[in-house]
C-alpha atoms as a PDB file:
ATOM      1  CA  UNK A   1     -12.314   3.727  -7.046  1.00  0.00           C
ATOM      2  CA  UNK A   2     -13.415   2.037 -10.285  1.00  0.00           C
ATOM      3  CA  UNK A   3     -10.906  -0.403 -11.769  1.00  0.00           C
ATOM      4  CA  UNK A   4     -10.143   0.734 -15.330  1.00  0.00           C
ATOM      5  CA  UNK A   5     -11.543  -1.548 -18.013  1.00  0.00           C
ATOM      6  CA  UNK A   6     -11.572  -0.904 -21.737  1.00  0.00           C
ATOM      7  CA  UNK A   7     -13.641  -1.884 -24.757  1.00  0.00           C
ATOM      8  CA  UNK A   8     -12.685  -1.840 -28.430  1.00  0.00           C
ATOM      9  CA  UNK A   9     -15.304  -1.544 -31.182  1.00  0.00           C
ATOM     10  CA  UNK A  10     -14.195  -2.126 -34.769  1.00  0.00           C
ATOM     11  CA  UNK A  11     -16.225  -1.268 -37.889  1.00  0.00           C
ATOM     12  CA  UNK A  12     -19.395  -0.460 -35.912  1.00  0.00           C
ATOM     13  CA  UNK A  13     -21.921   2.153 -37.008  1.00  0.00           C
ATOM     14  CA  UNK A  14     -22.280   5.326 -34.951  1.00  0.00           C
ATOM     15  CA  UNK A  15     -25.806   4.261 -33.990  1.00  0.00           C
ATOM     16  CA  UNK A  16     -24.640   0.910 -32.653  1.00  0.00           C
ATOM     17  CA  UNK A  17     -21.637   2.535 -30.971  1.00  0.00           C
ATOM     18  CA  UNK A  18     -23.988   4.758 -28.967  1.00  0.00           C
ATOM     19  CA  UNK A  19     -26.120   1.771 -27.965  1.00  0.00           C
ATOM     20  CA  UNK A  20     -23.133  -0.307 -26.903  1.00  0.00           C
ATOM     21  CA  UNK A  21     -21.337   2.590 -25.199  1.00  0.00           C
ATOM     22  CA  UNK A  22     -24.313   3.411 -22.967  1.00  0.00           C
ATOM     23  CA  UNK A  23     -24.677  -0.228 -21.919  1.00  0.00           C
ATOM     24  CA  UNK A  24     -20.909  -0.607 -21.523  1.00  0.00           C
ATOM     25  CA  UNK A  25     -20.701   2.347 -19.160  1.00  0.00           C
ATOM     26  CA  UNK A  26     -23.404   0.769 -17.016  1.00  0.00           C
ATOM     27  CA  UNK A  27     -21.337  -2.458 -17.058  1.00  0.00           C
ATOM     28  CA  UNK A  28     -18.246  -0.711 -15.702  1.00  0.00           C
ATOM     29  CA  UNK A  29     -16.351   0.044 -18.903  1.00  0.00           C
ATOM     30  CA  UNK A  30     -14.222   3.154 -18.339  1.00  0.00           C
ATOM     31  CA  UNK A  31     -12.423   3.462 -21.699  1.00  0.00           C
ATOM     32  CA  UNK A  32     -13.612   2.941 -25.271  1.00  0.00           C
ATOM     33  CA  UNK A  33     -11.233   2.781 -28.240  1.00  0.00           C
ATOM     34  CA  UNK A  34     -12.297   2.960 -31.886  1.00  0.00           C
ATOM     35  CA  UNK A  35      -9.707   1.731 -34.426  1.00  0.00           C
ATOM     36  CA  UNK A  36      -9.245   3.510 -37.749  1.00  0.00           C
ATOM     37  CA  UNK A  37      -9.941   0.391 -39.819  1.00  0.00           C
ATOM     38  CA  UNK A  38     -11.404   2.242 -42.796  1.00  0.00           C
ATOM     39  CA  UNK A  39      -7.881   2.479 -44.224  1.00  0.00           C
ATOM     40  CA  UNK A  40      -7.320  -1.262 -44.370  1.00  0.00           C
ATOM     41  CA  UNK A  41      -8.831  -1.836 -47.823  1.00  0.00           C
ATOM     42  CA  UNK A  42      -9.544   0.198 -50.930  1.00  0.00           C
ATOM     43  CA  UNK A  43     -12.866  -1.556 -51.626  1.00  0.00           C
ATOM     44  CA  UNK A  44     -15.646  -3.005 -49.477  1.00  0.00           C
ATOM     45  CA  UNK A  45     -14.636  -0.576 -46.719  1.00  0.00           C
ATOM     46  CA  UNK A  46     -16.401  -1.271 -43.413  1.00  0.00           C
ATOM     47  CA  UNK A  47     -14.429   0.883 -40.940  1.00  0.00           C
ATOM     48  CA  UNK A  48     -16.041   4.127 -39.745  1.00  0.00           C
ATOM     49  CA  UNK A  49     -14.384   7.441 -38.967  1.00  0.00           C
ATOM     50  CA  UNK A  50     -13.056   7.125 -35.393  1.00  0.00           C
ATOM     51  CA  UNK A  51     -13.556  10.802 -34.535  1.00  0.00           C
ATOM     52  CA  UNK A  52     -17.231  10.862 -35.519  1.00  0.00           C
ATOM     53  CA  UNK A  53     -17.950   7.598 -33.710  1.00  0.00           C
ATOM     54  CA  UNK A  54     -16.003   8.845 -30.673  1.00  0.00           C
ATOM     55  CA  UNK A  55     -18.206  11.936 -30.548  1.00  0.00           C
ATOM     56  CA  UNK A  56     -21.313   9.734 -30.795  1.00  0.00           C
ATOM     57  CA  UNK A  57     -20.140   7.515 -27.925  1.00  0.00           C
ATOM     58  CA  UNK A  58     -19.287  10.504 -25.738  1.00  0.00           C
ATOM     59  CA  UNK A  59     -22.752  11.974 -26.320  1.00  0.00           C
ATOM     60  CA  UNK A  60     -24.283   8.686 -25.140  1.00  0.00           C
ATOM     61  CA  UNK A  61     -22.232   8.494 -21.921  1.00  0.00           C
ATOM     62  CA  UNK A  62     -21.334  10.665 -18.944  1.00  0.00           C
ATOM     63  CA  UNK A  63     -18.164   9.152 -17.451  1.00  0.00           C
ATOM     64  CA  UNK A  64     -16.462   7.032 -20.098  1.00  0.00           C
ATOM     65  CA  UNK A  65     -13.247   8.178 -21.816  1.00  0.00           C
ATOM     66  CA  UNK A  66     -13.324   7.629 -25.576  1.00  0.00           C
ATOM     67  CA  UNK A  67     -11.065   8.077 -28.571  1.00  0.00           C
ATOM     68  CA  UNK A  68      -9.438   6.597 -31.666  1.00  0.00           C
ATOM     69  CA  UNK A  69      -7.364   3.558 -31.027  1.00  0.00           C
ATOM     70  CA  UNK A  70      -5.557   4.631 -33.109  1.00  0.00           C
ATOM     71  CA  UNK A  71      -5.864   7.407 -35.717  1.00  0.00           C
ATOM     72  CA  UNK A  72      -3.182   7.246 -38.406  1.00  0.00           C
ATOM     73  CA  UNK A  73      -0.615  10.036 -38.211  1.00  0.00           C
ATOM     74  CA  UNK A  74       0.407   9.197 -41.769  1.00  0.00           C
ATOM     75  CA  UNK A  75      -2.897  10.390 -43.259  1.00  0.00           C
ATOM     76  CA  UNK A  76      -4.042  13.121 -40.837  1.00  0.00           C
ATOM     77  CA  UNK A  77      -1.936  16.303 -40.498  1.00  0.00           C
ATOM     78  CA  UNK A  78      -1.303  17.027 -36.828  1.00  0.00           C
ATOM     79  CA  UNK A  79      -3.139  20.360 -36.855  1.00  0.00           C
ATOM     80  CA  UNK A  80      -6.270  18.812 -38.390  1.00  0.00           C
ATOM     81  CA  UNK A  81      -6.195  15.944 -35.898  1.00  0.00           C
ATOM     82  CA  UNK A  82      -5.618  18.387 -33.038  1.00  0.00           C
ATOM     83  CA  UNK A  83      -8.604  20.519 -34.052  1.00  0.00           C
ATOM     84  CA  UNK A  84     -10.806  17.438 -34.156  1.00  0.00           C
ATOM     85  CA  UNK A  85      -9.524  16.330 -30.755  1.00  0.00           C
ATOM     86  CA  UNK A  86      -9.965  19.744 -29.133  1.00  0.00           C
ATOM     87  CA  UNK A  87     -13.477  20.132 -30.513  1.00  0.00           C
ATOM     88  CA  UNK A  88     -14.623  16.734 -29.248  1.00  0.00           C
ATOM     89  CA  UNK A  89     -12.829  17.201 -25.921  1.00  0.00           C
ATOM     90  CA  UNK A  90     -14.558  20.551 -25.399  1.00  0.00           C
ATOM     91  CA  UNK A  91     -17.934  19.039 -26.242  1.00  0.00           C
ATOM     92  CA  UNK A  92     -17.435  16.042 -23.912  1.00  0.00           C
ATOM     93  CA  UNK A  93     -16.184  17.984 -20.874  1.00  0.00           C
ATOM     94  CA  UNK A  94     -12.683  16.557 -21.130  1.00  0.00           C
ATOM     95  CA  UNK A  95     -13.330  12.869 -21.794  1.00  0.00           C
ATOM     96  CA  UNK A  96     -11.653  12.520 -25.194  1.00  0.00           C
ATOM     97  CA  UNK A  97      -8.509  10.404 -25.707  1.00  0.00           C
ATOM     98  CA  UNK A  98      -6.309  11.160 -28.712  1.00  0.00           C
ATOM     99  CA  UNK A  99      -4.820   7.857 -29.863  1.00  0.00           C
ATOM    100  CA  UNK A 100      -2.265   8.097 -32.676  1.00  0.00           C
ATOM    101  CA  UNK A 101       0.109   5.808 -34.550  1.00  0.00           C
ATOM    102  CA  UNK A 102       1.815   5.407 -37.906  1.00  0.00           C
ATOM    103  CA  UNK A 103      -0.436   2.530 -39.078  1.00  0.00           C
ATOM    104  CA  UNK A 104       1.138  -0.081 -41.371  1.00  0.00           C
ATOM    105  CA  UNK A 105       3.407   0.387 -44.387  1.00  0.00           C
ATOM    106  CA  UNK A 106       1.425  -2.005 -46.682  1.00  0.00           C
ATOM    107  CA  UNK A 107      -1.829  -0.266 -45.743  1.00  0.00           C
ATOM    108  CA  UNK A 108      -0.590   3.271 -46.347  1.00  0.00           C
ATOM    109  CA  UNK A 109       1.284   2.440 -49.560  1.00  0.00           C
ATOM    110  CA  UNK A 110      -1.754   0.555 -50.913  1.00  0.00           C
ATOM    111  CA  UNK A 111      -3.637   3.845 -50.633  1.00  0.00           C
ATOM    112  CA  UNK A 112      -0.995   5.501 -52.807  1.00  0.00           C
ATOM    113  CA  UNK A 113       0.389   7.512 -49.900  1.00  0.00           C
ATOM    114  CA  UNK A 114       4.021   7.748 -48.778  1.00  0.00           C
ATOM    115  CA  UNK A 115       5.063   5.921 -45.634  1.00  0.00           C
ATOM    116  CA  UNK A 116       7.667   7.777 -43.572  1.00  0.00           C
ATOM    117  CA  UNK A 117      11.279   6.734 -44.012  1.00  0.00           C
ATOM    118  CA  UNK A 118      11.579   7.029 -40.230  1.00  0.00           C
ATOM    119  CA  UNK A 119       8.255   6.078 -38.584  1.00  0.00           C
ATOM    120  CA  UNK A 120       9.820   6.767 -35.186  1.00  0.00           C
ATOM    121  CA  UNK A 121      10.919  10.257 -36.162  1.00  0.00           C
ATOM    122  CA  UNK A 122       7.628  11.087 -37.847  1.00  0.00           C
ATOM    123  CA  UNK A 123       5.581  10.005 -34.841  1.00  0.00           C
ATOM    124  CA  UNK A 124       7.851  11.771 -32.342  1.00  0.00           C
ATOM    125  CA  UNK A 125       7.302  15.079 -34.120  1.00  0.00           C
ATOM    126  CA  UNK A 126       3.590  14.370 -34.516  1.00  0.00           C
ATOM    127  CA  UNK A 127       3.063  13.564 -30.829  1.00  0.00           C
ATOM    128  CA  UNK A 128       4.910  16.700 -29.748  1.00  0.00           C
ATOM    129  CA  UNK A 129       2.775  18.858 -32.048  1.00  0.00           C
ATOM    130  CA  UNK A 130      -0.502  17.340 -30.845  1.00  0.00           C
ATOM    131  CA  UNK A 131       0.559  17.577 -27.190  1.00  0.00           C
ATOM    132  CA  UNK A 132       1.456  21.252 -27.728  1.00  0.00           C
ATOM    133  CA  UNK A 133      -2.025  21.787 -29.181  1.00  0.00           C
ATOM    134  CA  UNK A 134      -3.596  20.111 -26.154  1.00  0.00           C
ATOM    135  CA  UNK A 135      -1.429  22.192 -23.803  1.00  0.00           C
ATOM    136  CA  UNK A 136      -2.600  25.518 -25.232  1.00  0.00           C
ATOM    137  CA  UNK A 137      -1.653  26.034 -28.870  1.00  0.00           C
ATOM    138  CA  UNK A 138      -5.370  25.637 -29.573  1.00  0.00           C
ATOM    139  CA  UNK A 139      -7.443  28.014 -27.472  1.00  0.00           C
ATOM    140  CA  UNK A 140     -10.245  25.599 -26.568  1.00  0.00           C
ATOM    141  CA  UNK A 141     -10.749  21.953 -25.664  1.00  0.00           C
ATOM    142  CA  UNK A 142      -7.276  21.496 -24.224  1.00  0.00           C
ATOM    143  CA  UNK A 143      -6.114  18.908 -21.749  1.00  0.00           C
ATOM    144  CA  UNK A 144      -6.847  15.801 -23.783  1.00  0.00           C
ATOM    145  CA  UNK A 145      -4.287  12.989 -23.343  1.00  0.00           C
ATOM    146  CA  UNK A 146      -2.256  11.796 -26.314  1.00  0.00           C
ATOM    147  CA  UNK A 147      -1.591   8.057 -26.388  1.00  0.00           C
ATOM    148  CA  UNK A 148       0.466   6.089 -28.896  1.00  0.00           C
ATOM    149  CA  UNK A 149      -0.112   2.732 -30.536  1.00  0.00           C
ATOM    150  CA  UNK A 150       3.174   0.853 -30.186  1.00  0.00           C
ATOM    151  CA  UNK A 151       4.465  -2.541 -31.283  1.00  0.00           C
ATOM    152  CA  UNK A 152       8.272  -2.764 -31.195  1.00  0.00           C
ATOM    153  CA  UNK A 153      10.603  -1.809 -28.328  1.00  0.00           C
ATOM    154  CA  UNK A 154      11.671   1.530 -29.845  1.00  0.00           C
ATOM    155  CA  UNK A 155       8.082   2.640 -30.415  1.00  0.00           C
ATOM    156  CA  UNK A 156       7.153   1.552 -26.885  1.00  0.00           C
ATOM    157  CA  UNK A 157       9.986   3.662 -25.483  1.00  0.00           C
ATOM    158  CA  UNK A 158       8.835   6.616 -27.586  1.00  0.00           C
ATOM    159  CA  UNK A 159       5.266   6.235 -26.359  1.00  0.00           C
ATOM    160  CA  UNK A 160       6.313   5.966 -22.721  1.00  0.00           C
ATOM    161  CA  UNK A 161       8.666   8.945 -22.860  1.00  0.00           C
ATOM    162  CA  UNK A 162       6.795  11.335 -25.172  1.00  0.00           C
ATOM    163  CA  UNK A 163       3.082  10.592 -24.720  1.00  0.00           C
ATOM    164  CA  UNK A 164       0.511  10.051 -21.981  1.00  0.00           C
ATOM    165  CA  UNK A 165      -0.013   6.360 -22.616  1.00  0.00           C
ATOM    166  CA  UNK A 166       0.688   3.289 -24.710  1.00  0.00           C
ATOM    167  CA  UNK A 167      -1.808   1.216 -26.707  1.00  0.00           C
ATOM    168  CA  UNK A 168      -0.702  -2.410 -27.080  1.00  0.00           C
ATOM    169  CA  UNK A 169      -2.031  -5.258 -29.200  1.00  0.00           C
ATOM    170  CA  UNK A 170      -1.811  -9.063 -29.419  1.00  0.00           C
ATOM    171  CA  UNK A 171       0.309  -9.804 -26.333  1.00  0.00           C
ATOM    172  CA  UNK A 172       0.553 -12.903 -24.158  1.00  0.00           C
ATOM    173  CA  UNK A 173       0.337 -12.217 -20.412  1.00  0.00           C
ATOM    174  CA  UNK A 174       4.058 -12.959 -20.055  1.00  0.00           C
ATOM    175  CA  UNK A 175       5.014 -10.497 -22.803  1.00  0.00           C
ATOM    176  CA  UNK A 176       2.576  -7.966 -21.361  1.00  0.00           C
ATOM    177  CA  UNK A 177       4.473  -8.129 -18.075  1.00  0.00           C
ATOM    178  CA  UNK A 178       7.804  -7.566 -19.791  1.00  0.00           C
ATOM    179  CA  UNK A 179       6.317  -4.697 -21.782  1.00  0.00           C
ATOM    180  CA  UNK A 180       4.764  -3.097 -18.694  1.00  0.00           C
ATOM    181  CA  UNK A 181       8.192  -3.148 -17.029  1.00  0.00           C
ATOM    182  CA  UNK A 182       9.743  -1.538 -20.103  1.00  0.00           C
ATOM    183  CA  UNK A 183       7.084   1.176 -20.118  1.00  0.00           C
ATOM    184  CA  UNK A 184       7.677   1.888 -16.433  1.00  0.00           C
ATOM    185  CA  UNK A 185      11.448   2.119 -16.948  1.00  0.00           C
ATOM    186  CA  UNK A 186      11.127   4.434 -19.957  1.00  0.00           C
ATOM    187  CA  UNK A 187       8.652   6.647 -18.095  1.00  0.00           C
ATOM    188  CA  UNK A 188      10.973   6.884 -15.098  1.00  0.00           C
ATOM    189  CA  UNK A 189      13.911   7.761 -17.345  1.00  0.00           C
ATOM    190  CA  UNK A 190      11.780  10.556 -18.816  1.00  0.00           C
ATOM    191  CA  UNK A 191      11.001  11.899 -15.341  1.00  0.00           C
ATOM    192  CA  UNK A 192       7.408  10.640 -15.232  1.00  0.00           C
ATOM    193  CA  UNK A 193       5.708   8.984 -12.292  1.00  0.00           C
ATOM    194  CA  UNK A 194       3.832   6.566 -14.537  1.00  0.00           C
ATOM    195  CA  UNK A 195       2.278   6.003 -17.965  1.00  0.00           C
ATOM    196  CA  UNK A 196      -1.052   4.372 -18.760  1.00  0.00           C
ATOM    197  CA  UNK A 197      -1.047   1.164 -20.831  1.00  0.00           C
ATOM    198  CA  UNK A 198      -4.070  -0.194 -22.693  1.00  0.00           C
ATOM    199  CA  UNK A 199      -4.003  -3.692 -24.203  1.00  0.00           C
ATOM    200  CA  UNK A 200      -6.484  -4.932 -26.821  1.00  0.00           C
ATOM    201  CA  UNK A 201      -7.551  -8.556 -26.163  1.00  0.00           C
ATOM    202  CA  UNK A 202      -9.809 -10.310 -28.697  1.00  0.00           C
ATOM    203  CA  UNK A 203     -12.855 -12.360 -27.794  1.00  0.00           C
ATOM    204  CA  UNK A 204     -15.378 -14.078 -30.040  1.00  0.00           C
ATOM    205  CA  UNK A 205     -16.198 -17.379 -31.684  1.00  0.00           C
ATOM    206  CA  UNK A 206     -13.241 -19.610 -32.628  1.00  0.00           C
ATOM    207  CA  UNK A 207     -13.792 -18.815 -36.295  1.00  0.00           C
ATOM    208  CA  UNK A 208     -13.823 -15.058 -35.716  1.00  0.00           C
ATOM    209  CA  UNK A 209     -10.702 -14.819 -33.570  1.00  0.00           C
ATOM    210  CA  UNK A 210      -8.792 -17.165 -35.866  1.00  0.00           C
ATOM    211  CA  UNK A 211      -9.769 -15.101 -38.905  1.00  0.00           C
ATOM    212  CA  UNK A 212      -8.664 -11.923 -37.135  1.00  0.00           C
ATOM    213  CA  UNK A 213      -5.334 -13.439 -36.112  1.00  0.00           C
ATOM    214  CA  UNK A 214      -4.762 -14.827 -39.610  1.00  0.00           C
ATOM    215  CA  UNK A 215      -5.446 -11.435 -41.169  1.00  0.00           C
ATOM    216  CA  UNK A 216      -2.709  -9.830 -39.081  1.00  0.00           C
ATOM    217  CA  UNK A 217      -0.284 -12.727 -39.472  1.00  0.00           C
ATOM    218  CA  UNK A 218      -0.729 -13.119 -43.233  1.00  0.00           C
ATOM    219  CA  UNK A 219      -0.952  -9.470 -44.316  1.00  0.00           C
ATOM    220  CA  UNK A 220       1.228  -7.464 -41.937  1.00  0.00           C
ATOM    221  CA  UNK A 221       4.934  -8.376 -41.749  1.00  0.00           C
ATOM    222  CA  UNK A 222       5.463  -6.323 -38.595  1.00  0.00           C
ATOM    223  CA  UNK A 223       2.849  -8.412 -36.798  1.00  0.00           C
ATOM    224  CA  UNK A 224       4.343 -11.685 -38.030  1.00  0.00           C
ATOM    225  CA  UNK A 225       7.583 -10.532 -36.421  1.00  0.00           C
ATOM    226  CA  UNK A 226       5.636  -9.456 -33.319  1.00  0.00           C
ATOM    227  CA  UNK A 227       4.074 -12.918 -32.980  1.00  0.00           C
ATOM    228  CA  UNK A 228       7.360 -14.726 -33.626  1.00  0.00           C
ATOM    229  CA  UNK A 229       9.121 -12.667 -30.947  1.00  0.00           C
ATOM    230  CA  UNK A 230       6.619 -14.085 -28.429  1.00  0.00           C
ATOM    231  CA  UNK A 231       7.191 -17.665 -29.544  1.00  0.00           C
ATOM    232  CA  UNK A 232       3.828 -17.800 -31.344  1.00  0.00           C
ATOM    233  CA  UNK A 233       4.667 -19.886 -34.387  1.00  0.00           C
ATOM    234  CA  UNK A 234       1.265 -20.048 -36.072  1.00  0.00           C
ATOM    235  CA  UNK A 235      -2.266 -18.654 -35.950  1.00  0.00           C
ATOM    236  CA  UNK A 236      -3.437 -21.321 -33.494  1.00  0.00           C
ATOM    237  CA  UNK A 237      -0.671 -20.302 -31.098  1.00  0.00           C
ATOM    238  CA  UNK A 238      -1.583 -16.620 -31.490  1.00  0.00           C
ATOM    239  CA  UNK A 239      -5.208 -17.350 -30.593  1.00  0.00           C
ATOM    240  CA  UNK A 240      -4.311 -19.577 -27.648  1.00  0.00           C
ATOM    241  CA  UNK A 241      -1.737 -17.153 -26.289  1.00  0.00           C
ATOM    242  CA  UNK A 242      -3.347 -13.748 -26.762  1.00  0.00           C
ATOM    243  CA  UNK A 243      -7.135 -14.118 -27.056  1.00  0.00           C
ATOM    244  CA  UNK A 244      -9.957 -14.808 -24.604  1.00  0.00           C
ATOM    245  CA  UNK A 245     -12.519 -17.627 -24.675  1.00  0.00           C
ATOM    246  CA  UNK A 246     -16.058 -16.472 -25.417  1.00  0.00           C
ATOM    247  CA  UNK A 247     -17.043 -17.098 -21.820  1.00  0.00           C
ATOM    248  CA  UNK A 248     -17.682 -14.497 -19.121  1.00  0.00           C
ATOM    249  CA  UNK A 249     -15.696 -16.384 -16.481  1.00  0.00           C
ATOM    250  CA  UNK A 250     -12.756 -16.839 -18.843  1.00  0.00           C
ATOM    251  CA  UNK A 251     -12.851 -13.148 -19.743  1.00  0.00           C
ATOM    252  CA  UNK A 252     -12.722 -12.113 -16.083  1.00  0.00           C
ATOM    253  CA  UNK A 253      -9.876 -14.516 -15.378  1.00  0.00           C
ATOM    254  CA  UNK A 254      -7.906 -13.341 -18.418  1.00  0.00           C
ATOM    255  CA  UNK A 255      -8.404  -9.693 -17.520  1.00  0.00           C
ATOM    256  CA  UNK A 256      -7.129 -10.462 -14.017  1.00  0.00           C
ATOM    257  CA  UNK A 257      -3.986 -12.064 -15.436  1.00  0.00           C
ATOM    258  CA  UNK A 258      -3.205  -8.928 -17.430  1.00  0.00           C
ATOM    259  CA  UNK A 259      -3.862  -6.643 -14.444  1.00  0.00           C
ATOM    260  CA  UNK A 260      -1.412  -8.776 -12.484  1.00  0.00           C
ATOM    261  CA  UNK A 261       1.186  -8.264 -15.208  1.00  0.00           C
ATOM    262  CA  UNK A 262       0.928  -4.482 -14.866  1.00  0.00           C
ATOM    263  CA  UNK A 263      -1.437  -3.568 -17.718  1.00  0.00           C
ATOM    264  CA  UNK A 264      -3.399  -0.492 -16.634  1.00  0.00           C
ATOM    265  CA  UNK A 265      -6.433  -0.844 -18.920  1.00  0.00           C
ATOM    266  CA  UNK A 266      -7.006  -4.319 -20.400  1.00  0.00           C
ATOM    267  CA  UNK A 267      -9.555  -3.960 -23.181  1.00  0.00           C
ATOM    268  CA  UNK A 268     -12.220  -6.415 -24.301  1.00  0.00           C
ATOM    269  CA  UNK A 269     -12.091  -6.519 -28.123  1.00  0.00           C
ATOM    270  CA  UNK A 270     -15.160  -8.332 -29.518  1.00  0.00           C
ATOM    271  CA  UNK A 271     -14.726  -9.762 -33.002  1.00  0.00           C
ATOM    272  CA  UNK A 272     -17.501 -11.269 -35.093  1.00  0.00           C
ATOM    273  CA  UNK A 273     -20.106 -10.426 -32.434  1.00  0.00           C
ATOM    274  CA  UNK A 274     -23.435  -8.628 -32.820  1.00  0.00           C
ATOM    275  CA  UNK A 275     -24.398  -5.577 -30.793  1.00  0.00           C
ATOM    276  CA  UNK A 276     -26.669  -7.739 -28.662  1.00  0.00           C
ATOM    277  CA  UNK A 277     -23.942 -10.309 -28.016  1.00  0.00           C
ATOM    278  CA  UNK A 278     -21.454  -7.625 -26.999  1.00  0.00           C
ATOM    279  CA  UNK A 279     -23.891  -6.066 -24.547  1.00  0.00           C
ATOM    280  CA  UNK A 280     -24.809  -9.483 -23.116  1.00  0.00           C
ATOM    281  CA  UNK A 281     -21.165 -10.441 -22.620  1.00  0.00           C
ATOM    282  CA  UNK A 282     -20.301  -7.129 -20.950  1.00  0.00           C
ATOM    283  CA  UNK A 283     -23.260  -7.524 -18.609  1.00  0.00           C
ATOM    284  CA  UNK A 284     -22.177 -11.024 -17.602  1.00  0.00           C
ATOM    285  CA  UNK A 285     -18.592  -9.856 -17.125  1.00  0.00           C
ATOM    286  CA  UNK A 286     -19.824  -7.014 -14.909  1.00  0.00           C
ATOM    287  CA  UNK A 287     -21.761  -9.464 -12.723  1.00  0.00           C
ATOM    288  CA  UNK A 288     -18.708 -11.691 -12.428  1.00  0.00           C
ATOM    289  CA  UNK A 289     -16.448  -8.790 -11.516  1.00  0.00           C
ATOM    290  CA  UNK A 290     -18.953  -7.484  -8.961  1.00  0.00           C
ATOM    291  CA  UNK A 291     -19.304 -10.917  -7.389  1.00  0.00           C
ATOM    292  CA  UNK A 292     -15.568 -11.549  -7.396  1.00  0.00           C
ATOM    293  CA  UNK A 293     -16.230 -15.013  -8.784  1.00  0.00           C
ATOM    294  CA  UNK A 294     -14.838 -16.835 -11.799  1.00  0.00           C
ATOM    295  CA  UNK A 295     -17.267 -19.640 -12.544  1.00  0.00           C
ATOM    296  CA  UNK A 296     -20.078 -19.449 -15.062  1.00  0.00           C
ATOM    297  CA  UNK A 297     -21.355 -21.110 -18.208  1.00  0.00           C
ATOM    298  CA  UNK A 298     -20.268 -19.943 -21.634  1.00  0.00           C
ATOM    299  CA  UNK A 299     -22.243 -17.148 -23.249  1.00  0.00           C
ATOM    300  CA  UNK A 300     -23.156 -19.282 -26.261  1.00  0.00           C
ATOM    301  CA  UNK A 301     -21.488 -22.627 -25.681  1.00  0.00           C
ATOM    302  CA  UNK A 302     -18.585 -21.692 -27.946  1.00  0.00           C
ATOM    303  CA  UNK A 303     -14.948 -21.529 -26.871  1.00  0.00           C
ATOM    304  CA  UNK A 304     -11.946 -20.141 -28.724  1.00  0.00           C
END
């Protein structure tokens, strides 16, 4: 049985997504998540629509499961999102993943849109409506899983009890273990045998991962709190504690540490890397995983 392994592609064109997805599937990637980053700025937008790029990736693959990671419930009515999900799931023979979340208050309000007074309540209702659509309220393309992007403990409990999986971000291995235990407990309390967890783990040049970490730390108060709760006092600590060195051996070792902590689908999240670099890294990681070894040279001589 193939060990689940994820990939995250941010702000990548549909053409490049198809190229990377096909190579990634050959390299053993089982899950692909496409963040809805087009909402993050009002000008110089680089993020693509995650439903269109998901459909492109699914057309280019035969086994991989693909979906938004995550689509914002605050800007997409549940029925519209459900129709998109059902259509893509029908077209891909049941390989679509519906990832949802409330996004960030500063992001949504900067767009001139209201942010829910109770994000937890809004997302609970939203997840139930989309799950009902997947279960039969829409007469085609049903059966797609609904997974939730979660940060704080209450949202993690919601995701574990109400949805089919939890998408996590910026966690140290130690915190990932604590979170995996919380997910398992919440799932058991809800009468479930288990809930999938996917964790996004950045990799790239030192400059790229630091810039990514700084963007979250400086612009999103909920992530500053998230980092502080893990004892990560500054951007350097965030990078050291939650990111991977740009080195195939280091990537394999880091993935192993997250598997050991109970994460179901650790996800390689390239930042600042070209299509060619992503494909090269995934190929080297695949060779390392197949060989069961953890020694190699760096992909470009750069460590983060």
